[in-house]
Amino acid sequence: MAHWNKLAGNPPGFTLHGLRKTLGGMLADGEATTRQLMGILGHDDIEHAELYSRSASQKRLAHTGMEKVVKLVRR
């Protein structure tokens, strides 16, 4: 894999796993469904795909929760 990474011109430290993980996070942040994540990333186990979904959901919940606090303070 390291050889192919080098041939692809990826900088040192970049791995295919890291790129796949980044894509999973981006898909989840874009509100892709768990099944869509599974299809795109090739997961056959829903647990792996749900890791991305839960993380993105947590970020959205935190963001919307803080928006409510800001609105309350600005009243």
PDB file of N, CA and C in Angstrom:
ATOM      1  N   MET A   1       0.818  -1.186   0.000  1.00  0.00           N
ATOM      2  CA  MET A   1       0.000   0.000   0.000  1.00  0.00           C
ATOM      3  C   MET A   1       0.868   1.259   0.000  1.00  0.00           C
ATOM      4  N   ALA A   2       1.924   1.234   0.781  1.00  0.00           N
ATOM      5  CA  ALA A   2       2.796   2.415   0.836  1.00  0.00           C
ATOM      6  C   ALA A   2       3.363   2.713  -0.544  1.00  0.00           C
ATOM      7  N   HIS A   3       3.699   1.677  -1.270  1.00  0.00           N
ATOM      8  CA  HIS A   3       4.240   1.846  -2.621  1.00  0.00           C
ATOM      9  C   HIS A   3       3.205   2.522  -3.528  1.00  0.00           C
ATOM     10  N   TRP A   4       1.960   2.039  -3.461  1.00  0.00           N
ATOM     11  CA  TRP A   4       0.908   2.607  -4.308  1.00  0.00           C
ATOM     12  C   TRP A   4       0.563   4.033  -3.882  1.00  0.00           C
ATOM     13  N   ASN A   5       0.626   4.290  -2.584  1.00  0.00           N
ATOM     14  CA  ASN A   5       0.399   5.650  -2.088  1.00  0.00           C
ATOM     15  C   ASN A   5       1.434   6.600  -2.671  1.00  0.00           C
ATOM     16  N   LYS A   6       2.678   6.142  -2.695  1.00  0.00           N
ATOM     17  CA  LYS A   6       3.758   6.963  -3.242  1.00  0.00           C
ATOM     18  C   LYS A   6       3.548   7.185  -4.742  1.00  0.00           C
ATOM     19  N   LEU A   7       3.179   6.127  -5.455  1.00  0.00           N
ATOM     20  CA  LEU A   7       2.922   6.241  -6.892  1.00  0.00           C
ATOM     21  C   LEU A   7       1.763   7.198  -7.186  1.00  0.00           C
ATOM     22  N   ALA A   8       0.784   7.247  -6.280  1.00  0.00           N
ATOM     23  CA  ALA A   8      -0.365   8.137  -6.450  1.00  0.00           C
ATOM     24  C   ALA A   8      -0.003   9.588  -6.160  1.00  0.00           C
ATOM     25  N   GLY A   9       1.189   9.808  -5.607  1.00  0.00           N
ATOM     26  CA  GLY A   9       1.619  11.170  -5.304  1.00  0.00           C
ATOM     27  C   GLY A   9       1.095  11.696  -3.981  1.00  0.00           C
ATOM     28  N   ASN A  10       0.581  10.801  -3.131  1.00  0.00           N
ATOM     29  CA  ASN A  10       0.093  11.238  -1.820  1.00  0.00           C
ATOM     30  C   ASN A  10       1.276  11.606  -0.932  1.00  0.00           C
ATOM     31  N   PRO A  11       1.150  12.683  -0.162  1.00  0.00           N
ATOM     32  CA  PRO A  11       2.237  13.085   0.734  1.00  0.00           C
ATOM     33  C   PRO A  11       2.493  12.020   1.800  1.00  0.00           C
ATOM     34  N   PRO A  12       3.696  11.992   2.344  1.00  0.00           N
ATOM     35  CA  PRO A  12       4.001  11.046   3.432  1.00  0.00           C
ATOM     36  C   PRO A  12       3.006  11.231   4.581  1.00  0.00           C
ATOM     37  N   GLY A  13       2.597  10.144   5.178  1.00  0.00           N
ATOM     38  CA  GLY A  13       1.645  10.206   6.286  1.00  0.00           C
ATOM     39  C   GLY A  13       0.209  10.016   5.842  1.00  0.00           C
ATOM     40  N   PHE A  14      -0.074  10.206   4.547  1.00  0.00           N
ATOM     41  CA  PHE A  14      -1.418   9.978   4.057  1.00  0.00           C
ATOM     42  C   PHE A  14      -1.578   8.485   3.798  1.00  0.00           C
ATOM     43  N   THR A  15      -2.657   7.917   4.291  1.00  0.00           N
ATOM     44  CA  THR A  15      -2.914   6.499   4.058  1.00  0.00           C
ATOM     45  C   THR A  15      -4.274   6.345   3.403  1.00  0.00           C
ATOM     46  N   LEU A  16      -4.467   5.232   2.750  1.00  0.00           N
ATOM     47  CA  LEU A  16      -5.771   4.971   2.151  1.00  0.00           C
ATOM     48  C   LEU A  16      -6.843   4.878   3.238  1.00  0.00           C
ATOM     49  N   HIS A  17      -6.494   4.303   4.372  1.00  0.00           N
ATOM     50  CA  HIS A  17      -7.451   4.227   5.475  1.00  0.00           C
ATOM     51  C   HIS A  17      -7.832   5.626   5.953  1.00  0.00           C
ATOM     52  N   GLY A  18      -6.854   6.500   6.072  1.00  0.00           N
ATOM     53  CA  GLY A  18      -7.133   7.865   6.506  1.00  0.00           C
ATOM     54  C   GLY A  18      -8.006   8.610   5.513  1.00  0.00           C
ATOM     55  N   LEU A  19      -7.753   8.408   4.228  1.00  0.00           N
ATOM     56  CA  LEU A  19      -8.573   9.050   3.205  1.00  0.00           C
ATOM     57  C   LEU A  19     -10.004   8.519   3.248  1.00  0.00           C
ATOM     58  N   ARG A  20     -10.133   7.223   3.452  1.00  0.00           N
ATOM     59  CA  ARG A  20     -11.463   6.608   3.543  1.00  0.00           C
ATOM     60  C   ARG A  20     -12.198   7.123   4.777  1.00  0.00           C
ATOM     61  N   LYS A  21     -11.486   7.244   5.877  1.00  0.00           N
ATOM     62  CA  LYS A  21     -12.088   7.753   7.113  1.00  0.00           C
ATOM     63  C   LYS A  21     -12.535   9.206   6.939  1.00  0.00           C
ATOM     64  N   THR A  22     -11.723   9.997   6.254  1.00  0.00           N
ATOM     65  CA  THR A  22     -12.085  11.385   5.982  1.00  0.00           C
ATOM     66  C   THR A  22     -13.342  11.450   5.125  1.00  0.00           C
ATOM     67  N   LEU A  23     -13.411  10.603   4.101  1.00  0.00           N
ATOM     68  CA  LEU A  23     -14.589  10.552   3.247  1.00  0.00           C
ATOM     69  C   LEU A  23     -15.821  10.165   4.052  1.00  0.00           C
ATOM     70  N   GLY A  24     -15.685   9.193   4.943  1.00  0.00           N
ATOM     71  CA  GLY A  24     -16.806   8.790   5.794  1.00  0.00           C
ATOM     72  C   GLY A  24     -17.318   9.940   6.639  1.00  0.00           C
ATOM     73  N   GLY A  25     -16.394  10.700   7.211  1.00  0.00           N
ATOM     74  CA  GLY A  25     -16.788  11.867   8.007  1.00  0.00           C
ATOM     75  C   GLY A  25     -17.473  12.930   7.170  1.00  0.00           C
ATOM     76  N   MET A  26     -16.957  13.160   5.975  1.00  0.00           N
ATOM     77  CA  MET A  26     -17.558  14.164   5.097  1.00  0.00           C
ATOM     78  C   MET A  26     -18.961  13.738   4.663  1.00  0.00           C
ATOM     79  N   LEU A  27     -19.121  12.469   4.345  1.00  0.00           N
ATOM     80  CA  LEU A  27     -20.440  11.966   3.958  1.00  0.00           C
ATOM     81  C   LEU A  27     -21.433  12.111   5.110  1.00  0.00           C
ATOM     82  N   ALA A  28     -21.007  11.736   6.303  1.00  0.00           N
ATOM     83  CA  ALA A  28     -21.890  11.840   7.469  1.00  0.00           C
ATOM     84  C   ALA A  28     -22.218  13.291   7.779  1.00  0.00           C
ATOM     85  N   ASP A  29     -21.225  14.171   7.676  1.00  0.00           N
ATOM     86  CA  ASP A  29     -21.486  15.595   7.903  1.00  0.00           C
ATOM     87  C   ASP A  29     -22.461  16.145   6.866  1.00  0.00           C
ATOM     88  N   GLY A  30     -22.439  15.567   5.675  1.00  0.00           N
ATOM     89  CA  GLY A  30     -23.366  15.958   4.618  1.00  0.00           C
ATOM     90  C   GLY A  30     -24.712  15.263   4.732  1.00  0.00           C
ATOM     91  N   GLU A  31     -24.922  14.574   5.841  1.00  0.00           N
ATOM     92  CA  GLU A  31     -26.174  13.903   6.182  1.00  0.00           C
ATOM     93  C   GLU A  31     -26.491  12.707   5.297  1.00  0.00           C
ATOM     94  N   ALA A  32     -25.451  12.008   4.817  1.00  0.00           N
ATOM     95  CA  ALA A  32     -25.669  10.738   4.120  1.00  0.00           C
ATOM     96  C   ALA A  32     -26.231   9.744   5.131  1.00  0.00           C
ATOM     97  N   THR A  33     -27.091   8.869   4.673  1.00  0.00           N
ATOM     98  CA  THR A  33     -27.649   7.854   5.566  1.00  0.00           C
ATOM     99  C   THR A  33     -26.588   6.805   5.881  1.00  0.00           C
ATOM    100  N   THR A  34     -26.870   6.030   6.911  1.00  0.00           N
ATOM    101  CA  THR A  34     -25.951   4.958   7.282  1.00  0.00           C
ATOM    102  C   THR A  34     -25.808   3.971   6.134  1.00  0.00           C
ATOM    103  N   ARG A  35     -26.908   3.654   5.471  1.00  0.00           N
ATOM    104  CA  ARG A  35     -26.863   2.722   4.332  1.00  0.00           C
ATOM    105  C   ARG A  35     -26.063   3.311   3.175  1.00  0.00           C
ATOM    106  N   GLN A  36     -26.164   4.615   2.952  1.00  0.00           N
ATOM    107  CA  GLN A  36     -25.361   5.257   1.914  1.00  0.00           C
ATOM    108  C   GLN A  36     -23.877   5.169   2.261  1.00  0.00           C
ATOM    109  N   LEU A  37     -23.558   5.424   3.528  1.00  0.00           N
ATOM    110  CA  LEU A  37     -22.169   5.293   3.986  1.00  0.00           C
ATOM    111  C   LEU A  37     -21.658   3.882   3.736  1.00  0.00           C
ATOM    112  N   MET A  38     -22.468   2.897   4.071  1.00  0.00           N
ATOM    113  CA  MET A  38     -22.067   1.509   3.878  1.00  0.00           C
ATOM    114  C   MET A  38     -21.793   1.224   2.406  1.00  0.00           C
ATOM    115  N   GLY A  39     -22.670   1.703   1.551  1.00  0.00           N
ATOM    116  CA  GLY A  39     -22.516   1.458   0.122  1.00  0.00           C
ATOM    117  C   GLY A  39     -21.284   2.113  -0.458  1.00  0.00           C
ATOM    118  N   ILE A  40     -21.045   3.342  -0.073  1.00  0.00           N
ATOM    119  CA  ILE A  40     -19.913   4.088  -0.624  1.00  0.00           C
ATOM    120  C   ILE A  40     -18.588   3.580  -0.069  1.00  0.00           C
ATOM    121  N   LEU A  41     -18.549   3.319   1.226  1.00  0.00           N
ATOM    122  CA  LEU A  41     -17.296   2.906   1.859  1.00  0.00           C
ATOM    123  C   LEU A  41     -17.057   1.402   1.785  1.00  0.00           C
ATOM    124  N   GLY A  42     -18.061   0.657   1.367  1.00  0.00           N
ATOM    125  CA  GLY A  42     -17.900  -0.783   1.234  1.00  0.00           C
ATOM    126  C   GLY A  42     -18.008  -1.551   2.534  1.00  0.00           C
ATOM    127  N   HIS A  43     -18.635  -0.956   3.542  1.00  0.00           N
ATOM    128  CA  HIS A  43     -18.809  -1.656   4.820  1.00  0.00           C
ATOM    129  C   HIS A  43     -19.933  -2.680   4.686  1.00  0.00           C
ATOM    130  N   ASP A  44     -19.732  -3.853   5.268  1.00  0.00           N
ATOM    131  CA  ASP A  44     -20.810  -4.832   5.313  1.00  0.00           C
ATOM    132  C   ASP A  44     -21.357  -4.951   6.739  1.00  0.00           C
ATOM    133  N   ASP A  45     -20.766  -4.197   7.644  1.00  0.00           N
ATOM    134  CA  ASP A  45     -21.173  -4.184   9.047  1.00  0.00           C
ATOM    135  C   ASP A  45     -21.692  -2.784   9.370  1.00  0.00           C
ATOM    136  N   ILE A  46     -22.958  -2.699   9.756  1.00  0.00           N
ATOM    137  CA  ILE A  46     -23.579  -1.401  10.003  1.00  0.00           C
ATOM    138  C   ILE A  46     -22.900  -0.649  11.148  1.00  0.00           C
ATOM    139  N   GLU A  47     -22.288  -1.361  12.079  1.00  0.00           N
ATOM    140  CA  GLU A  47     -21.632  -0.715  13.222  1.00  0.00           C
ATOM    141  C   GLU A  47     -20.547   0.267  12.783  1.00  0.00           C
ATOM    142  N   HIS A  48     -19.765  -0.104  11.777  1.00  0.00           N
ATOM    143  CA  HIS A  48     -18.706   0.787  11.306  1.00  0.00           C
ATOM    144  C   HIS A  48     -19.295   2.064  10.712  1.00  0.00           C
ATOM    145  N   ALA A  49     -20.315   1.927   9.912  1.00  0.00           N
ATOM    146  CA  ALA A  49     -20.943   3.094   9.289  1.00  0.00           C
ATOM    147  C   ALA A  49     -21.599   3.978  10.341  1.00  0.00           C
ATOM    148  N   GLU A  50     -22.167   3.372  11.365  1.00  0.00           N
ATOM    149  CA  GLU A  50     -22.834   4.151  12.407  1.00  0.00           C
ATOM    150  C   GLU A  50     -21.850   4.994  13.216  1.00  0.00           C
ATOM    151  N   LEU A  51     -20.595   4.595  13.272  1.00  0.00           N
ATOM    152  CA  LEU A  51     -19.593   5.411  13.968  1.00  0.00           C
ATOM    153  C   LEU A  51     -19.536   6.806  13.348  1.00  0.00           C
ATOM    154  N   TYR A  52     -19.537   6.865  12.013  1.00  0.00           N
ATOM    155  CA  TYR A  52     -19.507   8.145  11.315  1.00  0.00           C
ATOM    156  C   TYR A  52     -20.806   8.917  11.556  1.00  0.00           C
ATOM    157  N   SER A  53     -21.930   8.215  11.473  1.00  0.00           N
ATOM    158  CA  SER A  53     -23.234   8.861  11.649  1.00  0.00           C
ATOM    159  C   SER A  53     -23.386   9.443  13.050  1.00  0.00           C
ATOM    160  N   ARG A  54     -22.968   8.691  14.060  1.00  0.00           N
ATOM    161  CA  ARG A  54     -23.093   9.177  15.444  1.00  0.00           C
ATOM    162  C   ARG A  54     -22.229  10.404  15.672  1.00  0.00           C
ATOM    163  N   SER A  55     -21.031  10.394  15.137  1.00  0.00           N
ATOM    164  CA  SER A  55     -20.135  11.533  15.300  1.00  0.00           C
ATOM    165  C   SER A  55     -20.720  12.783  14.655  1.00  0.00           C
ATOM    166  N   ALA A  56     -21.229  12.641  13.434  1.00  0.00           N
ATOM    167  CA  ALA A  56     -21.819  13.785  12.735  1.00  0.00           C
ATOM    168  C   ALA A  56     -23.075  14.260  13.455  1.00  0.00           C
ATOM    169  N   SER A  57     -23.859  13.333  13.950  1.00  0.00           N
ATOM    170  CA  SER A  57     -25.077  13.684  14.682  1.00  0.00           C
ATOM    171  C   SER A  57     -24.731  14.460  15.948  1.00  0.00           C
ATOM    172  N   GLN A  58     -23.698  14.018  16.644  1.00  0.00           N
ATOM    173  CA  GLN A  58     -23.265  14.713  17.861  1.00  0.00           C
ATOM    174  C   GLN A  58     -22.859  16.145  17.553  1.00  0.00           C
ATOM    175  N   LYS A  59     -22.140  16.344  16.445  1.00  0.00           N
ATOM    176  CA  LYS A  59     -21.726  17.701  16.057  1.00  0.00           C
ATOM    177  C   LYS A  59     -22.939  18.571  15.759  1.00  0.00           C
ATOM    178  N   ARG A  60     -23.913  18.006  15.020  1.00  0.00           N
ATOM    179  CA  ARG A  60     -25.118  18.783  14.684  1.00  0.00           C
ATOM    180  C   ARG A  60     -25.900  19.137  15.934  1.00  0.00           C
ATOM    181  N   LEU A  61     -26.041  18.171  16.853  1.00  0.00           N
ATOM    182  CA  LEU A  61     -26.762  18.435  18.093  1.00  0.00           C
ATOM    183  C   LEU A  61     -26.073  19.524  18.916  1.00  0.00           C
ATOM    184  N   ALA A  62     -24.764  19.455  18.998  1.00  0.00           N
ATOM    185  CA  ALA A  62     -24.021  20.464  19.753  1.00  0.00           C
ATOM    186  C   ALA A  62     -24.190  21.843  19.112  1.00  0.00           C
ATOM    187  N   HIS A  63     -24.113  21.886  17.791  1.00  0.00           N
ATOM    188  CA  HIS A  63     -24.230  23.160  17.075  1.00  0.00           C
ATOM    189  C   HIS A  63     -25.623  23.774  17.275  1.00  0.00           C
ATOM    190  N   THR A  64     -26.668  22.982  17.070  1.00  0.00           N
ATOM    191  CA  THR A  64     -28.018  23.523  17.219  1.00  0.00           C
ATOM    192  C   THR A  64     -28.322  23.875  18.675  1.00  0.00           C
ATOM    193  N   GLY A  65     -27.772  23.096  19.601  1.00  0.00           N
ATOM    194  CA  GLY A  65     -27.957  23.420  21.016  1.00  0.00           C
ATOM    195  C   GLY A  65     -27.322  24.761  21.377  1.00  0.00           C
ATOM    196  N   MET A  66     -26.121  24.993  20.880  1.00  0.00           N
ATOM    197  CA  MET A  66     -25.447  26.267  21.161  1.00  0.00           C
ATOM    198  C   MET A  66     -26.147  27.436  20.472  1.00  0.00           C
ATOM    199  N   GLU A  67     -26.734  27.199  19.308  1.00  0.00           N
ATOM    200  CA  GLU A  67     -27.501  28.261  18.645  1.00  0.00           C
ATOM    201  C   GLU A  67     -28.660  28.699  19.530  1.00  0.00           C
ATOM    202  N   LYS A  68     -29.299  27.752  20.208  1.00  0.00           N
ATOM    203  CA  LYS A  68     -30.410  28.075  21.111  1.00  0.00           C
ATOM    204  C   LYS A  68     -29.921  28.907  22.289  1.00  0.00           C
ATOM    205  N   VAL A  69     -28.757  28.574  22.811  1.00  0.00           N
ATOM    206  CA  VAL A  69     -28.189  29.329  23.926  1.00  0.00           C
ATOM    207  C   VAL A  69     -27.902  30.758  23.483  1.00  0.00           C
ATOM    208  N   VAL A  70     -27.317  30.928  22.303  1.00  0.00           N
ATOM    209  CA  VAL A  70     -26.993  32.263  21.790  1.00  0.00           C
ATOM    210  C   VAL A  70     -28.266  33.073  21.616  1.00  0.00           C
ATOM    211  N   LYS A  71     -29.319  32.484  21.055  1.00  0.00           N
ATOM    212  CA  LYS A  71     -30.583  33.202  20.877  1.00  0.00           C
ATOM    213  C   LYS A  71     -31.161  33.626  22.241  1.00  0.00           C
ATOM    214  N   LEU A  72     -31.061  32.745  23.212  1.00  0.00           N
ATOM    215  CA  LEU A  72     -31.572  33.038  24.548  1.00  0.00           C
ATOM    216  C   LEU A  72     -30.803  34.201  25.173  1.00  0.00           C
ATOM    217  N   VAL A  73     -29.524  34.225  25.035  1.00  0.00           N
ATOM    218  CA  VAL A  73     -28.677  35.270  25.622  1.00  0.00           C
ATOM    219  C   VAL A  73     -28.926  36.601  24.932  1.00  0.00           C
ATOM    220  N   ARG A  74     -29.198  36.579  23.623  1.00  0.00           N
ATOM    221  CA  ARG A  74     -29.393  37.814  22.874  1.00  0.00           C
ATOM    222  C   ARG A  74     -30.764  38.439  23.094  1.00  0.00           C
ATOM    223  N   ARG A  75     -31.642  37.767  23.760  1.00  0.00           N
ATOM    224  CA  ARG A  75     -32.992  38.331  24.007  1.00  0.00           C
ATOM    225  C   ARG A  75     -32.948  39.477  24.944  1.00  0.00           C
TER     226      ARG A  75
END
